[in-house]
Amino acid sequence: MAKGNMTIRMEPELKAQAAALFKSLGMDLSTATGIFYRQALRCHGLPFEVKVDEPNAVTYAAMEAAEKGEDMFGPFDSVGDLMEALNA
């Protein structure tokens, strides 16, 4: 089967991390990319769930309090002080 070339643009650090991961699995970036495409074809879509992580109600409440300047703690003098504030 004839093979063609493809150019993918990505951040150098992302490429390096991915290359290291795939090397530990015994493959290179080209092989991993081919596997991704084969899985996408097999699934008729992306081979993983794509979604936006939505903050929960507690996080939203904390974000609103922070915007209002309420319930703001820190800076802390020690890890113990931080943990005490978190447990409050």
Protein backbone atom coordinates (compact mmCIF):
# COMPACT_ATOMS: atom_id res chain seq x y z
CA MET A 1 0.00 0.00 0.00
CA ALA A 2 1.40 3.41 -0.98
CA LYS A 3 1.88 5.86 1.86
CA GLY A 4 1.41 9.61 1.69
CA ASN A 5 2.79 12.42 3.79
CA MET A 6 0.79 14.55 6.20
CA THR A 7 1.81 17.66 8.13
CA ILE A 8 0.40 18.25 11.60
CA ARG A 9 1.00 21.51 13.43
CA MET A 10 1.21 21.36 17.21
CA GLU A 11 3.10 22.89 20.08
CA PRO A 12 6.65 21.51 20.39
CA GLU A 13 6.13 20.52 24.04
CA LEU A 14 2.94 18.60 23.18
CA LYS A 15 4.76 16.80 20.39
CA ALA A 16 7.67 15.89 22.68
CA GLN A 17 5.36 14.59 25.41
CA ALA A 18 3.32 12.56 22.92
CA ALA A 19 6.46 11.16 21.27
CA ALA A 20 7.80 10.06 24.67
CA LEU A 21 4.50 8.42 25.58
CA PHE A 22 4.21 6.57 22.28
CA LYS A 23 7.87 5.51 22.45
CA SER A 24 7.16 3.92 25.84
CA LEU A 25 4.37 2.00 24.08
CA GLY A 26 6.77 0.86 21.36
CA MET A 27 5.60 3.12 18.54
CA ASP A 28 6.38 6.42 16.89
CA LEU A 29 4.13 9.41 16.19
CA SER A 30 3.31 8.17 12.71
CA THR A 31 2.12 4.79 13.98
CA ALA A 32 0.10 6.39 16.78
CA THR A 33 -1.53 8.79 14.32
CA GLY A 34 -2.42 5.88 12.05
CA ILE A 35 -3.99 4.05 14.98
CA PHE A 36 -6.04 7.14 15.83
CA TYR A 37 -7.41 7.36 12.28
CA ARG A 38 -8.21 3.64 12.16
CA GLN A 39 -10.08 3.89 15.46
CA ALA A 40 -11.97 6.98 14.24
CA LEU A 41 -13.06 5.08 11.13
CA ARG A 42 -14.05 2.06 13.21
CA CYS A 43 -16.13 4.26 15.57
CA HIS A 44 -17.47 6.51 12.80
CA GLY A 45 -16.29 9.48 14.85
CA LEU A 46 -13.74 10.40 17.45
CA PRO A 47 -12.64 7.34 19.42
CA PHE A 48 -13.26 9.08 22.74
CA GLU A 49 -15.89 11.29 24.34
CA VAL A 50 -15.56 15.02 23.67
CA LYS A 51 -17.28 17.30 26.15
CA VAL A 52 -16.89 20.51 28.08
CA ASP A 53 -16.28 19.95 31.77
CA GLU A 54 -18.86 21.96 33.64
CA PRO A 55 -18.05 23.19 37.16
CA ASN A 56 -20.34 21.89 39.88
CA ALA A 57 -22.58 24.05 42.12
CA VAL A 58 -19.94 24.36 44.86
CA THR A 59 -17.39 25.64 42.35
CA TYR A 60 -19.85 28.13 40.88
CA ALA A 61 -20.66 29.41 44.38
CA ALA A 62 -16.96 29.83 45.15
CA MET A 63 -16.41 31.66 41.84
CA GLU A 64 -19.28 34.04 42.59
CA ALA A 65 -17.97 34.67 46.11
CA ALA A 66 -14.50 35.39 44.73
CA GLU A 67 -15.88 37.86 42.20
CA LYS A 68 -17.60 39.71 45.05
CA GLY A 69 -14.48 39.55 47.21
CA GLU A 70 -16.25 37.35 49.76
CA ASP A 71 -14.77 34.40 51.62
CA MET A 72 -11.28 35.19 50.37
CA PHE A 73 -8.42 33.61 52.30
CA GLY A 74 -4.69 33.90 52.11
CA PRO A 75 -1.90 34.35 51.67
CA PHE A 76 -1.14 31.69 54.23
CA ASP A 77 1.87 31.51 56.50
CA SER A 78 1.93 27.72 56.52
CA VAL A 79 0.38 24.65 54.97
CA GLY A 80 -1.37 24.07 58.30
CA ASP A 81 -3.08 27.47 58.06
CA LEU A 82 -4.19 26.67 54.52
CA MET A 83 -5.57 23.28 55.53
CA GLU A 84 -7.40 24.84 58.49
CA ALA A 85 -9.04 27.39 56.16
CA LEU A 86 -10.03 24.63 53.73
CA ASN A 87 -11.66 22.63 56.50
CA ALA A 88 -13.64 25.64 57.77
